[in-house]
Protein backbone atom coordinates (compact mmCIF):
# COMPACT_ATOMS: atom_id res chain seq x y z
CA UNK A 1 230.72 -27.79 -2.55
CA UNK A 2 227.13 -28.51 -3.62
CA UNK A 3 228.41 -30.75 -6.41
CA UNK A 4 229.90 -33.05 -3.78
CA UNK A 5 226.55 -33.68 -2.11
CA UNK A 6 225.33 -37.27 -2.42
CA UNK A 7 221.57 -37.72 -2.88
CA UNK A 8 220.36 -41.04 -1.46
CA UNK A 9 216.82 -42.38 -1.64
CA UNK A 10 215.04 -45.71 -1.33
CA UNK A 11 212.60 -46.39 -4.17
CA UNK A 12 209.31 -48.28 -3.94
CA UNK A 13 211.11 -51.58 -4.55
CA UNK A 14 213.40 -51.05 -1.55
CA UNK A 15 216.45 -50.33 -3.70
CA UNK A 16 219.01 -47.78 -2.56
CA UNK A 17 219.45 -45.14 -5.29
CA UNK A 18 222.54 -42.97 -5.09
CA UNK A 19 223.04 -39.86 -7.20
CA UNK A 20 226.64 -38.67 -7.12
CA UNK A 21 227.16 -35.64 -9.40
CA UNK A 22 230.93 -35.29 -8.88
CA UNK A 23 234.12 -37.22 -8.13
CA UNK A 24 233.97 -35.95 -4.57
CA UNK A 25 230.40 -37.17 -4.21
CA UNK A 26 231.39 -40.62 -5.49
CA UNK A 27 234.26 -40.79 -2.97
CA UNK A 28 231.91 -39.69 -0.19
CA UNK A 29 229.43 -42.42 -1.08
CA UNK A 30 232.08 -45.15 -1.39
CA UNK A 31 233.46 -44.33 2.06
CA UNK A 32 230.15 -45.49 3.61
CA UNK A 33 228.94 -47.98 0.99
CA UNK A 34 227.01 -50.96 2.39
CA UNK A 35 227.38 -53.95 0.05
CA UNK A 36 224.53 -55.80 1.80
CA UNK A 37 221.97 -53.48 0.18
CA UNK A 38 220.65 -53.47 -3.38
CA UNK A 39 222.36 -50.34 -4.67
CA UNK A 40 222.12 -48.42 -7.93
CA UNK A 41 224.62 -45.63 -8.53
CA UNK A 42 223.96 -42.77 -10.94
CA UNK A 43 227.03 -40.72 -11.92
CA UNK A 44 228.65 -38.83 -14.77
CA UNK A 45 231.70 -40.81 -15.91
CA UNK A 46 233.51 -37.65 -17.01
CA UNK A 47 233.58 -36.63 -13.35
CA UNK A 48 235.35 -39.80 -12.22
CA UNK A 49 239.03 -39.69 -11.29
CA UNK A 50 241.44 -42.63 -11.18
CA UNK A 51 241.12 -42.71 -7.41
CA UNK A 52 237.38 -43.34 -7.64
CA UNK A 53 237.35 -45.77 -10.56
CA UNK A 54 239.04 -48.65 -8.75
CA UNK A 55 236.59 -48.84 -5.81
CA UNK A 56 233.80 -48.99 -8.39
CA UNK A 57 234.87 -52.55 -9.14
CA UNK A 58 231.99 -53.58 -6.85
CA UNK A 59 229.66 -52.04 -9.44
CA UNK A 60 228.90 -52.93 -13.05
CA UNK A 61 227.97 -50.40 -15.71
CA UNK A 62 224.50 -51.24 -17.03
CA UNK A 63 223.20 -48.28 -19.03
CA UNK A 64 223.61 -44.64 -19.93
CA UNK A 65 220.56 -42.37 -20.06
CA UNK A 66 220.31 -38.60 -20.48
CA UNK A 67 223.99 -38.12 -19.78
CA UNK A 68 223.91 -40.20 -16.60
CA UNK A 69 225.72 -43.51 -16.34
CA UNK A 70 223.99 -46.16 -14.26
CA UNK A 71 226.01 -48.67 -12.25
CA UNK A 72 224.65 -51.57 -10.19
CA UNK A 73 226.13 -53.68 -7.44
CA UNK A 74 225.91 -57.47 -7.46
CA UNK A 75 222.59 -57.59 -5.60
CA UNK A 76 221.01 -55.12 -8.02
CA UNK A 77 222.28 -57.12 -11.01
CA UNK A 78 220.73 -60.28 -9.55
CA UNK A 79 217.42 -58.52 -8.94
CA UNK A 80 217.00 -56.59 -12.19
CA UNK A 81 216.70 -58.05 -15.70
CA UNK A 82 219.62 -57.72 -18.15
CA UNK A 83 219.73 -54.74 -20.47
CA UNK A 84 220.47 -55.70 -24.09
CA UNK A 85 221.08 -52.90 -26.59
CA UNK A 86 219.40 -50.41 -24.30
CA UNK A 87 216.18 -52.38 -23.80
CA UNK A 88 214.69 -55.39 -22.07
CA UNK A 89 214.03 -58.49 -24.17
CA UNK A 90 211.20 -60.42 -22.58
CA UNK A 91 209.35 -63.66 -23.29
CA UNK A 92 205.91 -64.94 -22.35
CA UNK A 93 204.81 -68.56 -22.79
CA UNK A 94 201.10 -69.37 -22.67
CA UNK A 95 201.03 -73.08 -21.86
CA UNK A 96 197.83 -75.10 -22.16
CA UNK A 97 197.99 -78.62 -20.73
CA UNK A 98 195.73 -81.56 -21.46
CA UNK A 99 195.12 -83.70 -18.40
CA UNK A 100 192.83 -86.64 -19.09
CA UNK A 101 189.80 -84.99 -20.75
CA UNK A 102 190.35 -81.51 -19.30
CA UNK A 103 192.42 -78.53 -20.40
CA UNK A 104 194.15 -76.09 -18.09
CA UNK A 105 196.11 -72.85 -18.42
CA UNK A 106 199.37 -72.85 -16.47
CA UNK A 107 199.83 -69.77 -14.28
CA UNK A 108 202.56 -68.80 -11.84
CA UNK A 109 202.75 -66.53 -8.79
CA UNK A 110 206.00 -64.58 -8.54
CA UNK A 111 207.04 -63.97 -4.93
CA UNK A 112 207.40 -60.23 -5.59
CA UNK A 113 204.05 -59.71 -7.36
CA UNK A 114 200.42 -59.57 -6.29
CA UNK A 115 199.06 -61.14 -9.47
CA UNK A 116 199.39 -64.28 -11.57
CA UNK A 117 201.02 -64.51 -14.99
CA UNK A 118 201.90 -66.98 -17.68
CA UNK A 119 205.46 -68.28 -17.31
CA UNK A 120 207.64 -65.35 -18.38
CA UNK A 121 211.13 -63.95 -18.13
CA UNK A 122 213.93 -62.10 -19.86
CA UNK A 123 216.57 -63.08 -22.42
CA UNK A 124 219.76 -63.44 -20.41
CA UNK A 125 222.19 -62.46 -23.17
CA UNK A 126 222.12 -61.40 -26.79
CA UNK A 127 223.22 -64.86 -28.00
CA UNK A 128 220.21 -66.60 -26.42
CA UNK A 129 217.27 -67.14 -28.79
CA UNK A 130 213.93 -65.99 -27.30
CA UNK A 131 212.34 -69.42 -27.84
CA UNK A 132 215.13 -71.03 -25.80
CA UNK A 133 214.60 -68.43 -23.09
CA UNK A 134 210.90 -69.28 -23.05
CA UNK A 135 211.57 -73.02 -22.74
CA UNK A 136 214.01 -72.35 -19.90
CA UNK A 137 211.57 -70.11 -18.08
CA UNK A 138 208.73 -72.65 -18.35
CA UNK A 139 210.94 -75.35 -16.88
CA UNK A 140 212.45 -73.17 -14.14
CA UNK A 141 209.10 -71.74 -13.07
CA UNK A 142 206.88 -74.84 -13.35
CA UNK A 143 209.11 -77.90 -13.70
CA UNK A 144 207.32 -78.75 -16.96
CA UNK A 145 209.35 -79.64 -20.04
CA UNK A 146 207.96 -78.09 -23.22
CA UNK A 147 209.69 -79.25 -26.38
CA UNK A 148 207.82 -77.09 -28.87
CA UNK A 149 206.82 -73.47 -28.41
CA UNK A 150 205.08 -71.68 -31.26
CA UNK A 151 205.52 -67.91 -31.74
CA UNK A 152 202.19 -66.08 -31.68
CA UNK A 153 202.98 -62.41 -31.26
CA UNK A 154 204.98 -59.55 -29.80
CA UNK A 155 204.27 -56.82 -27.31
CA UNK A 156 205.90 -53.75 -25.84
CA UNK A 157 205.44 -51.84 -22.62
CA UNK A 158 207.36 -49.61 -20.26
CA UNK A 159 209.27 -51.37 -17.48
CA UNK A 160 211.14 -49.92 -14.52
CA UNK A 161 214.57 -51.42 -13.88
CA UNK A 162 217.67 -49.95 -12.24
CA UNK A 163 215.42 -47.01 -11.27
CA UNK A 164 215.13 -46.15 -14.96
CA UNK A 165 212.33 -46.65 -17.48
CA UNK A 166 213.06 -49.09 -20.29
CA UNK A 167 211.08 -50.53 -23.18
CA UNK A 168 210.30 -54.20 -22.58
CA UNK A 169 210.08 -55.82 -26.03
CA UNK A 170 208.48 -59.23 -25.54
CA UNK A 171 208.19 -62.30 -27.78
CA UNK A 172 205.01 -64.28 -27.10
CA UNK A 173 204.77 -68.07 -27.51
CA UNK A 174 202.21 -70.76 -26.85
CA UNK A 175 202.35 -74.51 -26.33
CA UNK A 176 199.83 -77.27 -25.90
CA UNK A 177 201.10 -80.36 -24.10
CA UNK A 178 199.66 -83.50 -22.54
CA UNK A 179 200.66 -84.42 -19.00
CA UNK A 180 199.48 -86.91 -16.39
CA UNK A 181 197.65 -86.21 -13.15
CA UNK A 182 200.86 -87.09 -11.27
CA UNK A 183 202.85 -84.58 -13.34
CA UNK A 184 200.27 -81.88 -12.67
CA UNK A 185 200.32 -82.64 -8.95
CA UNK A 186 204.11 -82.45 -8.92
CA UNK A 187 204.05 -79.11 -10.74
CA UNK A 188 201.62 -77.60 -8.20
CA UNK A 189 204.27 -78.23 -5.54
CA UNK A 190 207.07 -76.75 -7.64
CA UNK A 191 208.71 -73.58 -6.37
CA UNK A 192 212.02 -71.81 -6.68
CA UNK A 193 213.60 -68.59 -5.47
CA UNK A 194 211.28 -66.57 -7.75
CA UNK A 195 208.07 -68.59 -8.01
CA UNK A 196 205.86 -69.08 -4.98
CA UNK A 197 203.24 -71.36 -6.53
CA UNK A 198 202.05 -72.91 -9.82
CA UNK A 199 198.34 -72.94 -10.66
CA UNK A 200 196.33 -74.97 -13.18
CA UNK A 201 193.21 -73.05 -14.17
CA UNK A 202 190.47 -74.69 -16.31
CA UNK A 203 190.51 -72.78 -19.59
CA UNK A 204 186.82 -71.87 -19.37
CA UNK A 205 187.57 -69.92 -16.18
CA UNK A 206 190.29 -67.64 -17.56
CA UNK A 207 189.06 -64.17 -16.64
CA UNK A 208 190.02 -60.80 -15.16
CA UNK A 209 187.39 -61.48 -12.50
CA UNK A 210 189.09 -63.13 -9.51
CA UNK A 211 185.75 -64.48 -8.32
CA UNK A 212 185.19 -66.19 -11.68
CA UNK A 213 188.61 -67.83 -11.62
CA UNK A 214 188.25 -68.99 -8.02
CA UNK A 215 191.92 -68.13 -7.44
CA UNK A 216 193.35 -66.18 -4.53
CA UNK A 217 195.12 -63.71 -6.86
CA UNK A 218 193.98 -61.89 -10.02
CA UNK A 219 195.61 -62.63 -13.36
CA UNK A 220 197.59 -59.72 -14.81
CA UNK A 221 195.52 -58.09 -17.51
CA UNK A 222 197.68 -58.54 -20.62
CA UNK A 223 198.32 -62.16 -19.65
CA UNK A 224 194.55 -62.72 -19.73
CA UNK A 225 194.51 -61.19 -23.23
CA UNK A 226 197.21 -63.60 -24.39
CA UNK A 227 195.51 -66.62 -22.85
CA UNK A 228 192.09 -65.81 -24.28
CA UNK A 229 193.62 -65.38 -27.74
CA UNK A 230 195.44 -68.72 -27.50
CA UNK A 231 192.44 -70.58 -26.09
CA UNK A 232 190.12 -69.22 -28.79
CA UNK A 233 192.58 -70.38 -31.45
CA UNK A 234 192.83 -73.86 -29.96
CA UNK A 235 189.03 -74.04 -29.91
CA UNK A 236 188.81 -72.84 -33.53
CA UNK A 237 187.09 -69.59 -32.58
CA UNK A 238 187.84 -65.94 -33.23
CA UNK A 239 187.76 -63.14 -30.67
CA UNK A 240 188.33 -59.41 -30.86
CA UNK A 241 191.57 -59.62 -28.88
CA UNK A 242 192.48 -56.00 -29.71
CA UNK A 243 189.57 -54.88 -27.53
CA UNK A 244 191.18 -56.77 -24.64
CA UNK A 245 194.61 -55.08 -24.80
CA UNK A 246 195.11 -53.02 -21.61
CA UNK A 247 195.98 -49.35 -21.87
CA UNK A 248 199.36 -49.75 -20.13
CA UNK A 249 200.69 -51.69 -23.12
CA UNK A 250 202.64 -49.63 -25.66
CA UNK A 251 201.75 -52.16 -28.34
CA UNK A 252 200.58 -55.75 -28.78
CA UNK A 253 200.23 -57.88 -31.89
CA UNK A 254 198.88 -61.44 -31.71
CA UNK A 255 198.79 -63.82 -34.65
CA UNK A 256 198.58 -67.45 -35.68
């Protein structure tokens, strides 16, 4: 039967996407399931029978969209951000450090991305306050301990996770901290399973122009907007930050 046909594709992130429209299709997929691959399963729960529910224990329900229930295996759950109330809850922390008489913006290079960003991440669970998430992300991604983060805005944009488009609602924070040359040197060598390298960019070189920054990677556009807003505030200046908001953002509001 056509309804028992399993549609399998590999998306641009290398994830295996399985569309199983019927109980028979689910059973067919499970009979050849490879747990070593990042796998996202799209099915209609009403089509599941008791015989197919138990093998699905390798998968976790993550979201329902347009009548399709989305399940993810362990590898997919580790790779994709958590979904809270049907959306992603992100954080961005613009960190400016004072080192001797100079000021630097802290940027990170994610292993999976071709651009630099401020330290950023996702709220892990609904009980975690965004500011605590931001502190955790700064430490995990740079090794720097930031005691005080000040909220300075919110943004929203579309984000693809579990092969489905979600709204990423992000709380934006900034911090200004003083560190030593030794602490900066240690941070430049910091890396983890997500972060490849930490950069310290003089604040007067924050730009969309890679040549102007002197860095090997460009800075993601909305992260430049956030940094320029924060730096102008620290310097007691005003900029038209709204003119700097990239078109891919659904919304952005920055404030002191």
